[in-house]
Amino acid sequence: MPETVAPDPTPEQAALVARVRRMMLIAGLTTAVGLGAVLVAIGYRVFRNDGSTQVTDITATLPKGARIVSTGVAGDRLAVTVEAGGATEIRTYDAKTLKPVGRLKFANEP
């Protein structure tokens, strides 16, 4: 079987092929940079350290006869509702360090 030989491309065809190759190279590099950025973002989120692995042991003291009614978390705050001597108060703590942040007292009107 005789082989057919492709004729040499014309200068216009050669320019078109070179232009398509250049466009494919640009598209490939853009895809590689985008994929690299996504992998870097994922790696950053997985391996960053917020200090959230820190173990904290704290003992909070309550007034004598007080009892904890409820607890809750809101954002980066821990809220503890305490009932002591007929009065109710809400104590808030920083969720990461467990340091007291504030205290809201409630009392009945006479």
PDB file of N, CA and C in Angstrom:
ATOM      1  N   MET A   1       0.811  -1.169   0.000  1.00  0.00           N
ATOM      2  CA  MET A   1       0.000   0.000   0.000  1.00  0.00           C
ATOM      3  C   MET A   1       0.864   1.246   0.000  1.00  0.00           C
ATOM      4  N   PRO A   2       0.637   2.084  -0.930  1.00  0.00           N
ATOM      5  CA  PRO A   2       1.466   3.298  -0.961  1.00  0.00           C
ATOM      6  C   PRO A   2       1.025   4.275   0.122  1.00  0.00           C
ATOM      7  N   GLU A   3       2.004   4.918   0.763  1.00  0.00           N
ATOM      8  CA  GLU A   3       1.718   5.914   1.793  1.00  0.00           C
ATOM      9  C   GLU A   3       1.507   7.261   1.135  1.00  0.00           C
ATOM     10  N   THR A   4       0.522   7.975   1.662  1.00  0.00           N
ATOM     11  CA  THR A   4       0.302   9.319   1.129  1.00  0.00           C
ATOM     12  C   THR A   4       1.063  10.298   1.996  1.00  0.00           C
ATOM     13  N   VAL A   5       1.710  11.179   1.373  1.00  0.00           N
ATOM     14  CA  VAL A   5       2.500  12.190   2.064  1.00  0.00           C
ATOM     15  C   VAL A   5       1.691  13.473   2.086  1.00  0.00           C
ATOM     16  N   ALA A   6       1.584  14.043   3.292  1.00  0.00           N
ATOM     17  CA  ALA A   6       0.837  15.294   3.415  1.00  0.00           C
ATOM     18  C   ALA A   6       1.672  16.413   2.829  1.00  0.00           C
ATOM     19  N   PRO A   7       1.030  17.269   2.096  1.00  0.00           N
ATOM     20  CA  PRO A   7       1.787  18.383   1.518  1.00  0.00           C
ATOM     21  C   PRO A   7       2.194  19.366   2.615  1.00  0.00           C
ATOM     22  N   ASP A   8       3.254  20.074   2.385  1.00  0.00           N
ATOM     23  CA  ASP A   8       3.703  21.086   3.349  1.00  0.00           C
ATOM     24  C   ASP A   8       2.608  22.139   3.519  1.00  0.00           C
ATOM     25  N   PRO A   9       2.404  22.590   4.792  1.00  0.00           N
ATOM     26  CA  PRO A   9       1.360  23.593   5.016  1.00  0.00           C
ATOM     27  C   PRO A   9       1.756  24.935   4.409  1.00  0.00           C
ATOM     28  N   THR A  10       0.762  25.674   4.030  1.00  0.00           N
ATOM     29  CA  THR A  10       1.008  27.012   3.504  1.00  0.00           C
ATOM     30  C   THR A  10       1.411  27.909   4.673  1.00  0.00           C
ATOM     31  N   PRO A  11       1.986  29.069   4.399  1.00  0.00           N
ATOM     32  CA  PRO A  11       2.366  29.970   5.499  1.00  0.00           C
ATOM     33  C   PRO A  11       1.175  30.376   6.369  1.00  0.00           C
ATOM     34  N   GLU A  12      -0.010  30.507   5.787  1.00  0.00           N
ATOM     35  CA  GLU A  12      -1.190  30.855   6.586  1.00  0.00           C
ATOM     36  C   GLU A  12      -1.563  29.713   7.532  1.00  0.00           C
ATOM     37  N   GLN A  13      -1.472  28.478   7.031  1.00  0.00           N
ATOM     38  CA  GLN A  13      -1.786  27.316   7.855  1.00  0.00           C
ATOM     39  C   GLN A  13      -0.770  27.157   8.984  1.00  0.00           C
ATOM     40  N   ALA A  14       0.502  27.379   8.679  1.00  0.00           N
ATOM     41  CA  ALA A  14       1.544  27.279   9.703  1.00  0.00           C
ATOM     42  C   ALA A  14       1.337  28.332  10.787  1.00  0.00           C
ATOM     43  N   ALA A  15       0.949  29.538  10.398  1.00  0.00           N
ATOM     44  CA  ALA A  15       0.692  30.596  11.369  1.00  0.00           C
ATOM     45  C   ALA A  15      -0.508  30.236  12.247  1.00  0.00           C
ATOM     46  N   LEU A  16      -1.541  29.647  11.636  1.00  0.00           N
ATOM     47  CA  LEU A  16      -2.738  29.241  12.388  1.00  0.00           C
ATOM     48  C   LEU A  16      -2.396  28.143  13.398  1.00  0.00           C
ATOM     49  N   VAL A  17      -1.600  27.168  12.992  1.00  0.00           N
ATOM     50  CA  VAL A  17      -1.197  26.092  13.902  1.00  0.00           C
ATOM     51  C   VAL A  17      -0.372  26.651  15.053  1.00  0.00           C
ATOM     52  N   ALA A  18       0.550  27.570  14.763  1.00  0.00           N
ATOM     53  CA  ALA A  18       1.361  28.182  15.822  1.00  0.00           C
ATOM     54  C   ALA A  18       0.490  28.976  16.788  1.00  0.00           C
ATOM     55  N   ARG A  19      -0.508  29.678  16.245  1.00  0.00           N
ATOM     56  CA  ARG A  19      -1.405  30.471  17.092  1.00  0.00           C
ATOM     57  C   ARG A  19      -2.239  29.554  18.008  1.00  0.00           C
ATOM     58  N   VAL A  20      -2.752  28.451  17.489  1.00  0.00           N
ATOM     59  CA  VAL A  20      -3.531  27.508  18.286  1.00  0.00           C
ATOM     60  C   VAL A  20      -2.653  26.893  19.375  1.00  0.00           C
ATOM     61  N   ARG A  21      -1.426  26.545  19.047  1.00  0.00           N
ATOM     62  CA  ARG A  21      -0.511  25.982  20.051  1.00  0.00           C
ATOM     63  C   ARG A  21      -0.238  26.985  21.167  1.00  0.00           C
ATOM     64  N   ARG A  22      -0.048  28.245  20.820  1.00  0.00           N
ATOM     65  CA  ARG A  22       0.205  29.289  21.805  1.00  0.00           C
ATOM     66  C   ARG A  22      -1.019  29.462  22.720  1.00  0.00           C
ATOM     67  N   MET A  23      -2.225  29.447  22.139  1.00  0.00           N
ATOM     68  CA  MET A  23      -3.448  29.567  22.932  1.00  0.00           C
ATOM     69  C   MET A  23      -3.629  28.367  23.862  1.00  0.00           C
ATOM     70  N   MET A  24      -3.306  27.177  23.416  1.00  0.00           N
ATOM     71  CA  MET A  24      -3.410  25.984  24.254  1.00  0.00           C
ATOM     72  C   MET A  24      -2.394  26.034  25.395  1.00  0.00           C
ATOM     73  N   LEU A  25      -1.212  26.556  25.125  1.00  0.00           N
ATOM     74  CA  LEU A  25      -0.208  26.704  26.177  1.00  0.00           C
ATOM     75  C   LEU A  25      -0.686  27.679  27.243  1.00  0.00           C
ATOM     76  N   ILE A  26      -1.266  28.796  26.827  1.00  0.00           N
ATOM     77  CA  ILE A  26      -1.797  29.782  27.781  1.00  0.00           C
ATOM     78  C   ILE A  26      -2.928  29.167  28.603  1.00  0.00           C
ATOM     79  N   ALA A  27      -3.829  28.432  27.959  1.00  0.00           N
ATOM     80  CA  ALA A  27      -4.944  27.796  28.670  1.00  0.00           C
ATOM     81  C   ALA A  27      -4.433  26.755  29.671  1.00  0.00           C
ATOM     82  N   GLY A  28      -3.445  25.981  29.286  1.00  0.00           N
ATOM     83  CA  GLY A  28      -2.880  24.972  30.186  1.00  0.00           C
ATOM     84  C   GLY A  28      -2.197  25.599  31.390  1.00  0.00           C
ATOM     85  N   LEU A  29      -1.444  26.665  31.172  1.00  0.00           N
ATOM     86  CA  LEU A  29      -0.774  27.338  32.286  1.00  0.00           C
ATOM     87  C   LEU A  29      -1.785  27.989  33.232  1.00  0.00           C
ATOM     88  N   THR A  30      -2.831  28.581  32.674  1.00  0.00           N
ATOM     89  CA  THR A  30      -3.868  29.187  33.512  1.00  0.00           C
ATOM     90  C   THR A  30      -4.560  28.131  34.369  1.00  0.00           C
ATOM     91  N   THR A  31      -4.857  26.991  33.791  1.00  0.00           N
ATOM     92  CA  THR A  31      -5.467  25.897  34.543  1.00  0.00           C
ATOM     93  C   THR A  31      -4.539  25.406  35.650  1.00  0.00           C
ATOM     94  N   ALA A  32      -3.266  25.263  35.357  1.00  0.00           N
ATOM     95  CA  ALA A  32      -2.299  24.797  36.354  1.00  0.00           C
ATOM     96  C   ALA A  32      -2.181  25.785  37.506  1.00  0.00           C
ATOM     97  N   VAL A  33      -2.155  27.089  37.205  1.00  0.00           N
ATOM     98  CA  VAL A  33      -2.066  28.100  38.267  1.00  0.00           C
ATOM     99  C   VAL A  33      -3.331  28.078  39.125  1.00  0.00           C
ATOM    100  N   GLY A  34      -4.504  27.961  38.504  1.00  0.00           N
ATOM    101  CA  GLY A  34      -5.758  27.887  39.256  1.00  0.00           C
ATOM    102  C   GLY A  34      -5.832  26.661  40.143  1.00  0.00           C
ATOM    103  N   LEU A  35      -5.432  25.520  39.618  1.00  0.00           N
ATOM    104  CA  LEU A  35      -5.433  24.292  40.398  1.00  0.00           C
ATOM    105  C   LEU A  35      -4.442  24.393  41.561  1.00  0.00           C
ATOM    106  N   GLY A  36      -3.290  24.983  41.306  1.00  0.00           N
ATOM    107  CA  GLY A  36      -2.312  25.188  42.378  1.00  0.00           C
ATOM    108  C   GLY A  36      -2.855  26.089  43.474  1.00  0.00           C
ATOM    109  N   ALA A  37      -3.570  27.152  43.112  1.00  0.00           N
ATOM    110  CA  ALA A  37      -4.142  28.056  44.103  1.00  0.00           C
ATOM    111  C   ALA A  37      -5.187  27.346  44.963  1.00  0.00           C
ATOM    112  N   VAL A  38      -5.997  26.500  44.333  1.00  0.00           N
ATOM    113  CA  VAL A  38      -7.005  25.750  45.093  1.00  0.00           C
ATOM    114  C   VAL A  38      -6.322  24.783  46.060  1.00  0.00           C
ATOM    115  N   LEU A  39      -5.302  24.093  45.630  1.00  0.00           N
ATOM    116  CA  LEU A  39      -4.594  23.165  46.508  1.00  0.00           C
ATOM    117  C   LEU A  39      -3.909  23.881  47.659  1.00  0.00           C
ATOM    118  N   VAL A  40      -3.340  25.054  47.405  1.00  0.00           N
ATOM    119  CA  VAL A  40      -2.720  25.838  48.473  1.00  0.00           C
ATOM    120  C   VAL A  40      -3.778  26.275  49.484  1.00  0.00           C
ATOM    121  N   ALA A  41      -4.932  26.726  49.022  1.00  0.00           N
ATOM    122  CA  ALA A  41      -6.002  27.152  49.931  1.00  0.00           C
ATOM    123  C   ALA A  41      -6.490  25.988  50.786  1.00  0.00           C
ATOM    124  N   ILE A  42      -6.651  24.823  50.187  1.00  0.00           N
ATOM    125  CA  ILE A  42      -7.083  23.649  50.950  1.00  0.00           C
ATOM    126  C   ILE A  42      -6.020  23.262  51.972  1.00  0.00           C
ATOM    127  N   GLY A  43      -4.781  23.242  51.574  1.00  0.00           N
ATOM    128  CA  GLY A  43      -3.694  22.913  52.497  1.00  0.00           C
ATOM    129  C   GLY A  43      -3.589  23.899  53.645  1.00  0.00           C
ATOM    130  N   TYR A  44      -3.791  25.171  53.366  1.00  0.00           N
ATOM    131  CA  TYR A  44      -3.742  26.184  54.413  1.00  0.00           C
ATOM    132  C   TYR A  44      -4.845  25.943  55.437  1.00  0.00           C
ATOM    133  N   ARG A  45      -6.045  25.667  54.957  1.00  0.00           N
ATOM    134  CA  ARG A  45      -7.168  25.452  55.882  1.00  0.00           C
ATOM    135  C   ARG A  45      -6.997  24.174  56.694  1.00  0.00           C
ATOM    136  N   VAL A  46      -6.406  23.160  56.112  1.00  0.00           N
ATOM    137  CA  VAL A  46      -6.250  21.892  56.818  1.00  0.00           C
ATOM    138  C   VAL A  46      -5.142  21.974  57.859  1.00  0.00           C
ATOM    139  N   PHE A  47      -4.038  22.629  57.533  1.00  0.00           N
ATOM    140  CA  PHE A  47      -2.863  22.578  58.388  1.00  0.00           C
ATOM    141  C   PHE A  47      -2.625  23.800  59.258  1.00  0.00           C
ATOM    142  N   ARG A  48      -3.455  24.838  59.155  1.00  0.00           N
ATOM    143  CA  ARG A  48      -3.220  26.004  60.011  1.00  0.00           C
ATOM    144  C   ARG A  48      -3.589  25.664  61.443  1.00  0.00           C
ATOM    145  N   ASN A  49      -2.953  26.339  62.391  1.00  0.00           N
ATOM    146  CA  ASN A  49      -3.153  26.060  63.802  1.00  0.00           C
ATOM    147  C   ASN A  49      -3.760  27.287  64.457  1.00  0.00           C
ATOM    148  N   ASP A  50      -5.018  27.166  64.916  1.00  0.00           N
ATOM    149  CA  ASP A  50      -5.687  28.272  65.585  1.00  0.00           C
ATOM    150  C   ASP A  50      -5.438  28.278  67.078  1.00  0.00           C
ATOM    151  N   GLY A  51      -4.730  27.314  67.579  1.00  0.00           N
ATOM    152  CA  GLY A  51      -4.600  27.184  69.012  1.00  0.00           C
ATOM    153  C   GLY A  51      -5.809  26.475  69.598  1.00  0.00           C
ATOM    154  N   SER A  52      -6.645  25.915  68.742  1.00  0.00           N
ATOM    155  CA  SER A  52      -7.857  25.261  69.218  1.00  0.00           C
ATOM    156  C   SER A  52      -7.566  23.909  69.860  1.00  0.00           C
ATOM    157  N   THR A  53      -6.347  23.430  69.741  1.00  0.00           N
ATOM    158  CA  THR A  53      -6.000  22.155  70.346  1.00  0.00           C
ATOM    159  C   THR A  53      -5.485  22.327  71.765  1.00  0.00           C
ATOM    160  N   GLN A  54      -5.483  23.542  72.261  1.00  0.00           N
ATOM    161  CA  GLN A  54      -5.004  23.834  73.599  1.00  0.00           C
ATOM    162  C   GLN A  54      -5.994  23.292  74.628  1.00  0.00           C
ATOM    163  N   VAL A  55      -5.488  22.553  75.613  1.00  0.00           N
ATOM    164  CA  VAL A  55      -6.324  22.002  76.668  1.00  0.00           C
ATOM    165  C   VAL A  55      -6.265  22.945  77.857  1.00  0.00           C
ATOM    166  N   THR A  56      -7.439  23.351  78.348  1.00  0.00           N
ATOM    167  CA  THR A  56      -7.498  24.290  79.462  1.00  0.00           C
ATOM    168  C   THR A  56      -8.268  23.639  80.598  1.00  0.00           C
ATOM    169  N   ASP A  57      -7.713  23.696  81.794  1.00  0.00           N
ATOM    170  CA  ASP A  57      -8.356  23.163  82.990  1.00  0.00           C
ATOM    171  C   ASP A  57      -8.558  24.305  83.966  1.00  0.00           C
ATOM    172  N   ILE A  58      -9.811  24.723  84.168  1.00  0.00           N
ATOM    173  CA  ILE A  58     -10.103  25.843  85.049  1.00  0.00           C
ATOM    174  C   ILE A  58     -11.247  25.443  85.960  1.00  0.00           C
ATOM    175  N   THR A  59     -11.164  25.863  87.219  1.00  0.00           N
ATOM    176  CA  THR A  59     -12.250  25.649  88.158  1.00  0.00           C
ATOM    177  C   THR A  59     -12.868  27.001  88.475  1.00  0.00           C
ATOM    178  N   ALA A  60     -14.140  27.174  88.136  1.00  0.00           N
ATOM    179  CA  ALA A  60     -14.853  28.414  88.440  1.00  0.00           C
ATOM    180  C   ALA A  60     -15.593  28.223  89.749  1.00  0.00           C
ATOM    181  N   THR A  61     -15.518  29.211  90.625  1.00  0.00           N
ATOM    182  CA  THR A  61     -16.196  29.109  91.914  1.00  0.00           C
ATOM    183  C   THR A  61     -17.542  29.803  91.846  1.00  0.00           C
ATOM    184  N   LEU A  62     -18.524  29.183  92.469  1.00  0.00           N
ATOM    185  CA  LEU A  62     -19.872  29.741  92.555  1.00  0.00           C
ATOM    186  C   LEU A  62     -20.162  30.091  94.010  1.00  0.00           C
ATOM    187  N   PRO A  63     -21.069  31.034  94.228  1.00  0.00           N
ATOM    188  CA  PRO A  63     -21.437  31.353  95.604  1.00  0.00           C
ATOM    189  C   PRO A  63     -22.047  30.130  96.294  1.00  0.00           C
ATOM    190  N   LYS A  64     -21.971  30.100  97.604  1.00  0.00           N
ATOM    191  CA  LYS A  64     -22.500  28.967  98.364  1.00  0.00           C
ATOM    192  C   LYS A  64     -24.008  28.834  98.117  1.00  0.00           C
ATOM    193  N   GLY A  65     -24.464  27.629  97.831  1.00  0.00           N
ATOM    194  CA  GLY A  65     -25.860  27.356  97.579  1.00  0.00           C
ATOM    195  C   GLY A  65     -26.312  27.660  96.162  1.00  0.00           C
ATOM    196  N   ALA A  66     -25.404  28.095  95.302  1.00  0.00           N
ATOM    197  CA  ALA A  66     -25.761  28.422  93.917  1.00  0.00           C
ATOM    198  C   ALA A  66     -25.819  27.144  93.090  1.00  0.00           C
ATOM    199  N   ARG A  67     -26.618  27.215  92.025  1.00  0.00           N
ATOM    200  CA  ARG A  67     -26.679  26.071  91.118  1.00  0.00           C
ATOM    201  C   ARG A  67     -26.712  26.585  89.680  1.00  0.00           C
ATOM    202  N   ILE A  68     -26.155  25.781  88.787  1.00  0.00           N
ATOM    203  CA  ILE A  68     -26.138  26.129  87.367  1.00  0.00           C
ATOM    204  C   ILE A  68     -27.461  25.681  86.766  1.00  0.00           C
ATOM    205  N   VAL A  69     -28.164  26.636  86.165  1.00  0.00           N
ATOM    206  CA  VAL A  69     -29.464  26.353  85.576  1.00  0.00           C
ATOM    207  C   VAL A  69     -29.310  25.890  84.131  1.00  0.00           C
ATOM    208  N   SER A  70     -28.467  26.587  83.361  1.00  0.00           N
ATOM    209  CA  SER A  70     -28.255  26.196  81.963  1.00  0.00           C
ATOM    210  C   SER A  70     -26.934  26.744  81.464  1.00  0.00           C
ATOM    211  N   THR A  71     -26.497  26.199  80.343  1.00  0.00           N
ATOM    212  CA  THR A  71     -25.294  26.685  79.673  1.00  0.00           C
ATOM    213  C   THR A  71     -25.599  26.820  78.190  1.00  0.00           C
ATOM    214  N   GLY A  72     -24.809  27.635  77.508  1.00  0.00           N
ATOM    215  CA  GLY A  72     -24.979  27.809  76.070  1.00  0.00           C
ATOM    216  C   GLY A  72     -23.748  28.446  75.458  1.00  0.00           C
ATOM    217  N   VAL A  73     -23.615  28.283  74.157  1.00  0.00           N
ATOM    218  CA  VAL A  73     -22.493  28.861  73.428  1.00  0.00           C
ATOM    219  C   VAL A  73     -23.049  29.776  72.353  1.00  0.00           C
ATOM    220  N   ALA A  74     -22.476  30.984  72.264  1.00  0.00           N
ATOM    221  CA  ALA A  74     -22.867  31.950  71.239  1.00  0.00           C
ATOM    222  C   ALA A  74     -21.594  32.566  70.668  1.00  0.00           C
ATOM    223  N   GLY A  75     -21.252  32.167  69.458  1.00  0.00           N
ATOM    224  CA  GLY A  75     -20.032  32.693  68.844  1.00  0.00           C
ATOM    225  C   GLY A  75     -18.811  32.191  69.592  1.00  0.00           C
ATOM    226  N   ASP A  76     -18.025  33.115  70.097  1.00  0.00           N
ATOM    227  CA  ASP A  76     -16.829  32.744  70.855  1.00  0.00           C
ATOM    228  C   ASP A  76     -17.029  32.973  72.348  1.00  0.00           C
ATOM    229  N   ARG A  77     -18.269  32.929  72.806  1.00  0.00           N
ATOM    230  CA  ARG A  77     -18.599  33.129  74.218  1.00  0.00           C
ATOM    231  C   ARG A  77     -19.335  31.909  74.767  1.00  0.00           C
ATOM    232  N   LEU A  78     -19.081  31.600  76.033  1.00  0.00           N
ATOM    233  CA  LEU A  78     -19.771  30.550  76.749  1.00  0.00           C
ATOM    234  C   LEU A  78     -20.636  31.242  77.793  1.00  0.00           C
ATOM    235  N   ALA A  79     -21.935  30.980  77.794  1.00  0.00           N
ATOM    236  CA  ALA A  79     -22.858  31.608  78.735  1.00  0.00           C
ATOM    237  C   ALA A  79     -23.340  30.566  79.728  1.00  0.00           C
ATOM    238  N   VAL A  80     -23.230  30.901  81.028  1.00  0.00           N
ATOM    239  CA  VAL A  80     -23.655  30.014  82.097  1.00  0.00           C
ATOM    240  C   VAL A  80     -24.698  30.765  82.921  1.00  0.00           C
ATOM    241  N   THR A  81     -25.892  30.202  83.045  1.00  0.00           N
ATOM    242  CA  THR A  81     -26.941  30.804  83.862  1.00  0.00           C
ATOM    243  C   THR A  81     -26.873  30.182  85.248  1.00  0.00           C
ATOM    244  N   VAL A  82     -26.723  31.051  86.270  1.00  0.00           N
ATOM    245  CA  VAL A  82     -26.539  30.602  87.652  1.00  0.00           C
ATOM    246  C   VAL A  82     -27.676  31.177  88.494  1.00  0.00           C
ATOM    247  N   GLU A  83     -28.215  30.351  89.378  1.00  0.00           N
ATOM    248  CA  GLU A  83     -29.237  30.801  90.324  1.00  0.00           C
ATOM    249  C   GLU A  83     -28.639  30.720  91.719  1.00  0.00           C
ATOM    250  N   ALA A  84     -28.594  31.873  92.391  1.00  0.00           N
ATOM    251  CA  ALA A  84     -27.993  31.923  93.720  1.00  0.00           C
ATOM    252  C   ALA A  84     -28.843  32.804  94.625  1.00  0.00           C
ATOM    253  N   GLY A  85     -29.351  32.238  95.720  1.00  0.00           N
ATOM    254  CA  GLY A  85     -30.095  33.010  96.710  1.00  0.00           C
ATOM    255  C   GLY A  85     -31.330  33.690  96.150  1.00  0.00           C
ATOM    256  N   GLY A  86     -32.038  33.073  95.243  1.00  0.00           N
ATOM    257  CA  GLY A  86     -33.248  33.655  94.678  1.00  0.00           C
ATOM    258  C   GLY A  86     -32.991  34.612  93.529  1.00  0.00           C
ATOM    259  N   ALA A  87     -31.755  34.936  93.230  1.00  0.00           N
ATOM    260  CA  ALA A  87     -31.411  35.823  92.115  1.00  0.00           C
ATOM    261  C   ALA A  87     -30.791  34.998  90.994  1.00  0.00           C
ATOM    262  N   THR A  88     -31.044  35.421  89.777  1.00  0.00           N
ATOM    263  CA  THR A  88     -30.492  34.733  88.612  1.00  0.00           C
ATOM    264  C   THR A  88     -29.469  35.639  87.947  1.00  0.00           C
ATOM    265  N   GLU A  89     -28.367  35.054  87.510  1.00  0.00           N
ATOM    266  CA  GLU A  89     -27.354  35.826  86.780  1.00  0.00           C
ATOM    267  C   GLU A  89     -26.794  34.983  85.651  1.00  0.00           C
ATOM    268  N   ILE A  90     -26.337  35.683  84.632  1.00  0.00           N
ATOM    269  CA  ILE A  90     -25.704  35.025  83.490  1.00  0.00           C
ATOM    270  C   ILE A  90     -24.241  35.436  83.480  1.00  0.00           C
ATOM    271  N   ARG A  91     -23.382  34.468  83.559  1.00  0.00           N
ATOM    272  CA  ARG A  91     -21.936  34.725  83.507  1.00  0.00           C
ATOM    273  C   ARG A  91     -21.437  34.296  82.134  1.00  0.00           C
ATOM    274  N   THR A  92     -20.632  35.147  81.502  1.00  0.00           N
ATOM    275  CA  THR A  92     -20.097  34.821  80.181  1.00  0.00           C
ATOM    276  C   THR A  92     -18.592  34.653  80.270  1.00  0.00           C
ATOM    277  N   TYR A  93     -18.095  33.713  79.490  1.00  0.00           N
ATOM    278  CA  TYR A  93     -16.672  33.384  79.455  1.00  0.00           C
ATOM    279  C   TYR A  93     -16.209  33.325  78.015  1.00  0.00           C
ATOM    280  N   ASP A  94     -14.928  33.621  77.791  1.00  0.00           N
ATOM    281  CA  ASP A  94     -14.337  33.456  76.468  1.00  0.00           C
ATOM    282  C   ASP A  94     -14.211  31.959  76.209  1.00  0.00           C
ATOM    283  N   ALA A  95     -14.694  31.492  75.074  1.00  0.00           N
ATOM    284  CA  ALA A  95     -14.733  30.057  74.803  1.00  0.00           C
ATOM    285  C   ALA A  95     -13.346  29.449  74.624  1.00  0.00           C
ATOM    286  N   LYS A  96     -12.374  30.219  74.180  1.00  0.00           N
ATOM    287  CA  LYS A  96     -11.035  29.658  73.950  1.00  0.00           C
ATOM    288  C   LYS A  96     -10.204  29.639  75.225  1.00  0.00           C
ATOM    289  N   THR A  97     -10.259  30.722  76.010  1.00  0.00           N
ATOM    290  CA  THR A  97      -9.409  30.816  77.194  1.00  0.00           C
ATOM    291  C   THR A  97     -10.152  30.512  78.479  1.00  0.00           C
ATOM    292  N   LEU A  98     -11.489  30.501  78.444  1.00  0.00           N
ATOM    293  CA  LEU A  98     -12.356  30.293  79.601  1.00  0.00           C
ATOM    294  C   LEU A  98     -12.166  31.355  80.680  1.00  0.00           C
ATOM    295  N   LYS A  99     -11.715  32.525  80.301  1.00  0.00           N
ATOM    296  CA  LYS A  99     -11.602  33.640  81.241  1.00  0.00           C
ATOM    297  C   LYS A  99     -12.944  34.368  81.309  1.00  0.00           C
ATOM    298  N   PRO A 100     -13.336  34.842  82.508  1.00  0.00           N
ATOM    299  CA  PRO A 100     -14.603  35.560  82.625  1.00  0.00           C
ATOM    300  C   PRO A 100     -14.604  36.828  81.774  1.00  0.00           C
ATOM    301  N   VAL A 101     -15.717  37.072  81.091  1.00  0.00           N
ATOM    302  CA  VAL A 101     -15.850  38.243  80.236  1.00  0.00           C
ATOM    303  C   VAL A 101     -16.873  39.221  80.803  1.00  0.00           C
ATOM    304  N   GLY A 102     -17.947  38.695  81.360  1.00  0.00           N
ATOM    305  CA  GLY A 102     -18.968  39.584  81.894  1.00  0.00           C
ATOM    306  C   GLY A 102     -19.945  38.856  82.776  1.00  0.00           C
ATOM    307  N   ARG A 103     -20.764  39.665  83.466  1.00  0.00           N
ATOM    308  CA  ARG A 103     -21.758  39.119  84.372  1.00  0.00           C
ATOM    309  C   ARG A 103     -23.010  39.973  84.292  1.00  0.00           C
ATOM    310  N   LEU A 104     -24.160  39.340  84.106  1.00  0.00           N
ATOM    311  CA  LEU A 104     -25.439  40.031  84.046  1.00  0.00           C
ATOM    312  C   LEU A 104     -26.315  39.488  85.161  1.00  0.00           C
ATOM    313  N   LYS A 105     -26.695  40.384  86.097  1.00  0.00           N
ATOM    314  CA  LYS A 105     -27.477  39.948  87.262  1.00  0.00           C
ATOM    315  C   LYS A 105     -28.940  40.325  87.055  1.00  0.00           C
ATOM    316  N   PHE A 106     -29.835  39.447  87.518  1.00  0.00           N
ATOM    317  CA  PHE A 106     -31.266  39.709  87.514  1.00  0.00           C
ATOM    318  C   PHE A 106     -31.766  39.641  88.943  1.00  0.00           C
ATOM    319  N   ALA A 107     -32.676  40.546  89.292  1.00  0.00           N
ATOM    320  CA  ALA A 107     -33.266  40.524  90.636  1.00  0.00           C
ATOM    321  C   ALA A 107     -34.737  40.845  90.508  1.00  0.00           C
ATOM    322  N   ASN A 108     -35.524  40.336  91.443  1.00  0.00           N
ATOM    323  CA  ASN A 108     -36.946  40.612  91.466  1.00  0.00           C
ATOM    324  C   ASN A 108     -37.179  41.992  92.092  1.00  0.00           C
ATOM    325  N   GLU A 109     -38.157  42.714  91.573  1.00  0.00           N
ATOM    326  CA  GLU A 109     -38.506  44.002  92.151  1.00  0.00           C
ATOM    327  C   GLU A 109     -39.236  43.772  93.466  1.00  0.00           C
ATOM    328  N   PRO A 110     -38.987  44.635  94.455  1.00  0.00           N
ATOM    329  CA  PRO A 110     -39.676  44.464  95.744  1.00  0.00           C
ATOM    330  C   PRO A 110     -41.151  44.806  95.675  1.00  0.00           C
TER     331      PRO A 110
END
